[in-house]
């Protein structure tokens, strides 16, 4: 009986730890998605800046 109780407590602690890890993983995935969006926005911004510089050199 004591062994079964010990195993049940250990399993509940494992489940709690797993839920914490899943929450952290979801936060990391959200940050990765945000980082990917920022990279795309910066890439588009630098491309537009390069096009503007090229246009101003041709006009100048």
Protein backbone atom coordinates (compact mmCIF):
# COMPACT_ATOMS: atom_id res chain seq x y z
CA UNK A 1 0.00 0.00 0.00
CA UNK A 2 2.78 2.42 0.89
CA UNK A 3 4.58 1.66 -2.36
CA UNK A 4 1.44 2.34 -4.38
CA UNK A 5 0.99 5.66 -2.57
CA UNK A 6 4.61 6.59 -3.22
CA UNK A 7 4.27 5.74 -6.91
CA UNK A 8 1.06 7.79 -7.19
CA UNK A 9 2.74 10.83 -5.60
CA UNK A 10 5.75 10.42 -7.90
CA UNK A 11 3.47 10.21 -10.96
CA UNK A 12 1.58 13.34 -9.92
CA UNK A 13 4.87 15.21 -9.52
CA UNK A 14 5.95 14.02 -12.97
CA UNK A 15 2.67 15.20 -14.47
CA UNK A 16 3.06 18.61 -12.83
CA UNK A 17 6.61 18.87 -14.17
CA UNK A 18 5.44 17.87 -17.64
CA UNK A 19 2.75 20.53 -17.63
CA UNK A 20 5.32 23.16 -16.63
CA UNK A 21 7.62 22.04 -19.45
CA UNK A 22 4.76 22.15 -21.95
CA UNK A 23 3.94 25.71 -20.86
CA UNK A 24 7.58 26.73 -21.31
CA UNK A 25 7.69 25.06 -24.72
CA UNK A 26 4.63 26.97 -25.86
CA UNK A 27 6.22 30.23 -24.72
CA UNK A 28 9.42 29.40 -26.62
CA UNK A 29 7.44 28.54 -29.75
CA UNK A 30 5.62 31.88 -29.53
CA UNK A 31 8.93 33.71 -29.17
CA UNK A 32 10.36 31.83 -32.16
CA UNK A 33 7.35 32.81 -34.26
CA UNK A 34 7.75 36.44 -33.20
CA UNK A 35 11.47 36.33 -34.01
CA UNK A 36 10.74 34.91 -37.47
CA UNK A 37 8.26 37.73 -38.12
CA UNK A 38 10.78 40.35 -37.04
CA UNK A 39 13.42 38.83 -39.34
CA UNK A 40 11.02 39.04 -42.29
CA UNK A 41 10.11 42.64 -41.48
CA UNK A 42 13.77 43.63 -41.15
CA UNK A 43 14.61 41.88 -44.44
CA UNK A 44 11.84 43.71 -46.26
CA UNK A 45 12.91 47.00 -44.65
CA UNK A 46 16.55 46.59 -45.72
CA UNK A 47 15.45 45.63 -49.22
CA UNK A 48 13.28 48.74 -49.49
CA UNK A 49 16.13 50.86 -48.14
CA UNK A 50 18.50 49.42 -50.75
CA UNK A 51 15.98 50.12 -53.50
CA UNK A 52 15.56 53.69 -52.26
CA UNK A 53 19.33 54.25 -52.19
CA UNK A 54 19.65 52.81 -55.71
CA UNK A 55 16.83 55.04 -56.97
CA UNK A 56 18.36 58.15 -55.39
CA UNK A 57 21.76 57.37 -56.97
CA UNK A 58 20.18 57.13 -60.42
CA UNK A 59 18.31 60.38 -59.92
CA UNK A 60 21.29 62.23 -58.47
